Protein backbone atom coordinates (compact mmCIF):
# COMPACT_ATOMS: atom_id res chain seq x y z
CA MET A 1 0.06 0.12 -0.10
CA SER A 2 1.25 3.58 -0.76
CA LYS A 3 0.63 7.07 -0.41
CA GLU A 4 -1.10 7.28 -3.58
CA GLU A 5 -3.31 4.17 -3.11
CA LYS A 6 -7.24 5.18 -1.80
CA LEU A 7 -8.32 2.88 0.87
CA ILE A 8 -12.44 2.23 1.52
CA ILE A 9 -12.60 1.10 4.91
CA TYR A 10 -14.97 -0.73 6.99
CA THR A 11 -15.28 -0.61 10.61
CA ASP A 12 -17.67 -2.20 13.45
CA GLY A 13 -17.26 -2.92 17.15
CA ALA A 14 -19.26 -5.79 18.75
CA CYS A 15 -19.67 -6.27 22.79
CA SER A 16 -21.24 -9.26 24.40
CA GLY A 17 -23.41 -7.63 26.84
CA ASN A 18 -22.83 -4.16 27.24
CA PRO A 19 -20.35 -3.67 28.75
CA GLY A 20 -19.01 -7.12 28.07
CA HIS A 21 -16.53 -9.15 26.38
CA SER A 22 -15.71 -6.86 23.11
CA GLY A 23 -14.35 -7.17 19.66
CA VAL A 24 -13.48 -4.95 16.45
CA GLY A 25 -13.50 -5.75 12.86
CA ILE A 26 -11.90 -3.66 9.87
CA VAL A 27 -12.14 -4.22 6.10
CA LEU A 28 -9.80 -2.76 4.15
CA CYS A 29 -10.63 -2.21 0.19
CA ASP A 30 -9.15 -0.77 -2.92
CA GLU A 31 -10.88 2.02 -4.17
CA SER A 32 -12.59 -0.57 -6.87
CA GLY A 33 -14.36 -2.12 -3.62
CA SER A 34 -12.25 -5.37 -3.49
CA ILE A 35 -11.04 -6.68 -0.39
CA ILE A 36 -7.84 -6.31 0.45
CA LYS A 37 -7.44 -7.34 4.22
CA LYS A 38 -10.04 -8.51 6.81
CA TYR A 39 -9.00 -7.85 10.47
CA TYR A 40 -10.58 -8.67 13.79
CA ARG A 41 -9.49 -8.13 17.33
CA TYR A 42 -10.09 -8.79 21.10
CA ILE A 43 -10.18 -5.52 23.06
CA GLY A 44 -10.96 -6.65 26.40
CA GLN A 45 -14.45 -5.75 28.48
CA THR A 46 -15.86 -2.34 27.35
CA THR A 47 -18.95 -0.84 25.82
CA ASN A 48 -20.38 -1.00 22.30
CA ASN A 49 -19.62 2.77 21.47
CA ILE A 50 -15.46 2.30 22.67
CA ALA A 51 -15.54 -0.79 20.57
CA GLU A 52 -16.64 1.13 17.59
CA TYR A 53 -13.99 4.00 18.02
CA MET A 54 -11.22 1.12 19.04
CA ALA A 55 -12.22 -0.15 15.35
CA PHE A 56 -12.19 3.07 13.75
CA VAL A 57 -8.78 4.50 15.43
CA PHE A 58 -6.87 0.97 14.55
CA ALA A 59 -8.20 1.14 10.96
CA LEU A 60 -6.57 4.57 10.91
CA GLN A 61 -3.24 3.63 12.43
CA GLU A 62 -3.05 0.37 9.84
CA SER A 63 -3.36 2.91 7.23
CA LEU A 64 -0.89 5.07 8.40
CA PHE A 65 1.18 2.35 9.17
CA ASN A 66 0.95 1.20 5.30
CA ASN A 67 1.79 4.99 4.27
CA VAL A 68 -1.79 5.11 2.49
CA ARG A 69 -3.15 8.71 2.85
CA HIS A 70 -6.28 8.86 1.31
CA VAL A 71 -9.16 7.16 3.16
CA THR A 72 -12.80 6.57 2.87
CA VAL A 73 -14.27 5.05 6.30
CA TYR A 74 -17.88 3.32 6.68
CA SER A 75 -19.45 2.46 9.71
CA ASP A 76 -22.47 1.77 11.28
CA SER A 77 -22.11 3.74 14.41
CA GLU A 78 -24.45 7.06 13.99
CA LEU A 79 -23.10 8.20 17.21
CA MET A 80 -19.06 8.17 16.35
CA VAL A 81 -19.81 9.26 12.78
CA ARG A 82 -21.55 12.09 13.55
CA GLN A 83 -18.98 12.89 16.31
CA MET A 84 -16.13 12.59 13.83
CA ASN A 85 -18.04 15.04 11.58
CA GLY A 86 -18.65 17.80 14.18
CA ILE A 87 -22.69 16.97 14.30
CA TYR A 88 -22.78 15.87 17.89
CA LYS A 89 -20.54 16.80 20.81
CA VAL A 90 -18.48 14.23 22.70
CA LYS A 91 -19.90 14.18 26.16
CA ASN A 92 -18.40 10.73 27.61
CA GLN A 93 -15.48 11.14 29.27
CA ASN A 94 -14.25 7.73 28.18
CA ILE A 95 -14.94 8.13 24.37
CA LEU A 96 -13.47 11.69 24.65
CA LEU A 97 -9.85 10.19 24.59
CA LEU A 98 -10.38 8.05 21.86
CA TYR A 99 -12.37 10.81 19.83
CA GLN A 100 -8.99 13.11 20.16
CA ILE A 101 -7.11 10.32 19.10
CA ALA A 102 -8.72 9.76 15.92
CA GLU A 103 -9.02 13.47 15.62
CA ASN A 104 -5.25 13.44 15.93
CA LEU A 105 -4.55 10.70 13.23
CA LYS A 106 -7.34 12.06 10.58
CA LYS A 107 -4.64 15.48 10.38
CA HIS A 108 -2.21 12.48 8.76
CA PHE A 109 -4.43 11.85 5.63
CA ASN A 110 -4.36 14.14 2.25
CA TYR A 111 -8.19 13.13 2.05
CA PHE A 112 -10.43 11.54 5.02
CA LYS A 113 -13.81 11.09 4.89
CA ILE A 114 -16.05 9.01 7.41
CA GLU A 115 -19.67 7.98 6.43
CA TYR A 116 -22.31 6.33 8.45
CA ILE A 117 -23.62 3.28 6.64
CA GLU A 118 -26.71 0.82 7.60
CA ARG A 119 -25.75 -2.16 9.68
CA GLU A 120 -26.99 -4.10 6.48
CA LYS A 121 -23.85 -2.68 4.32
CA ASN A 122 -21.78 -3.68 7.36
CA LYS A 123 -22.30 -7.15 7.69
CA GLU A 124 -18.48 -8.43 6.81
CA ALA A 125 -17.07 -5.90 9.62
CA ASP A 126 -19.77 -6.86 12.06
CA ARG A 127 -18.86 -10.66 11.44
CA LEU A 128 -15.34 -10.01 12.00
CA ALA A 129 -15.93 -7.62 15.47
CA ARG A 130 -18.32 -10.51 16.80
CA LYS A 131 -15.45 -13.10 15.94
CA GLY A 132 -12.99 -10.81 17.87
CA ALA A 133 -15.39 -10.56 21.00
CA LYS A 134 -15.24 -14.13 20.81
CA LEU A 135 -11.36 -14.50 21.71
CA LYS A 136 -11.89 -13.27 25.10
CA GLY A 137 -7.83 -12.92 25.21
CA LYS A 138 -6.83 -16.35 23.71
CA ASN A 139 -5.05 -14.82 20.90
CA MET A 140 -5.40 -11.08 20.85
CA SER A 141 -5.63 -10.41 16.85
CA LYS A 142 -5.80 -11.78 13.74
CA ASN A 143 -5.97 -11.27 9.94
CA GLU A 144 -9.12 -12.99 8.66
CA ASP A 145 -6.80 -15.10 6.30
CA GLU A 146 -5.05 -16.29 9.57
CA SER A 147 -8.29 -18.52 10.98
């Protein structure tokens, strides 16, 4: 992946209970929509909103680590998307730190966009997030092709 490459990213967080065992799912696609990489991870006991933000932060970090500077992110977390787009204020102190981290990461992209999508259009990231939540610390993270 390179700075010129454009990524389409789908993210989701899942909890078994809220709060509960949580996981994140990330699907990285090229600009034609072909899947490049699928990723899931157990993130411990937390809330669904924290899991949503963690998935988003991990996706941005993964993009920057691979020198990608053009991303469009899709999430079914209306709260997170509206907060990241400045429509809603972040009132929860636990989310505020993750929001600030995401805001700082965003600055490193030449192009950044985040959009809300319905759950129906985010099934793969959701599946991965649920798979991550089920790891419960056994193996903290995996690429989908390692399963």
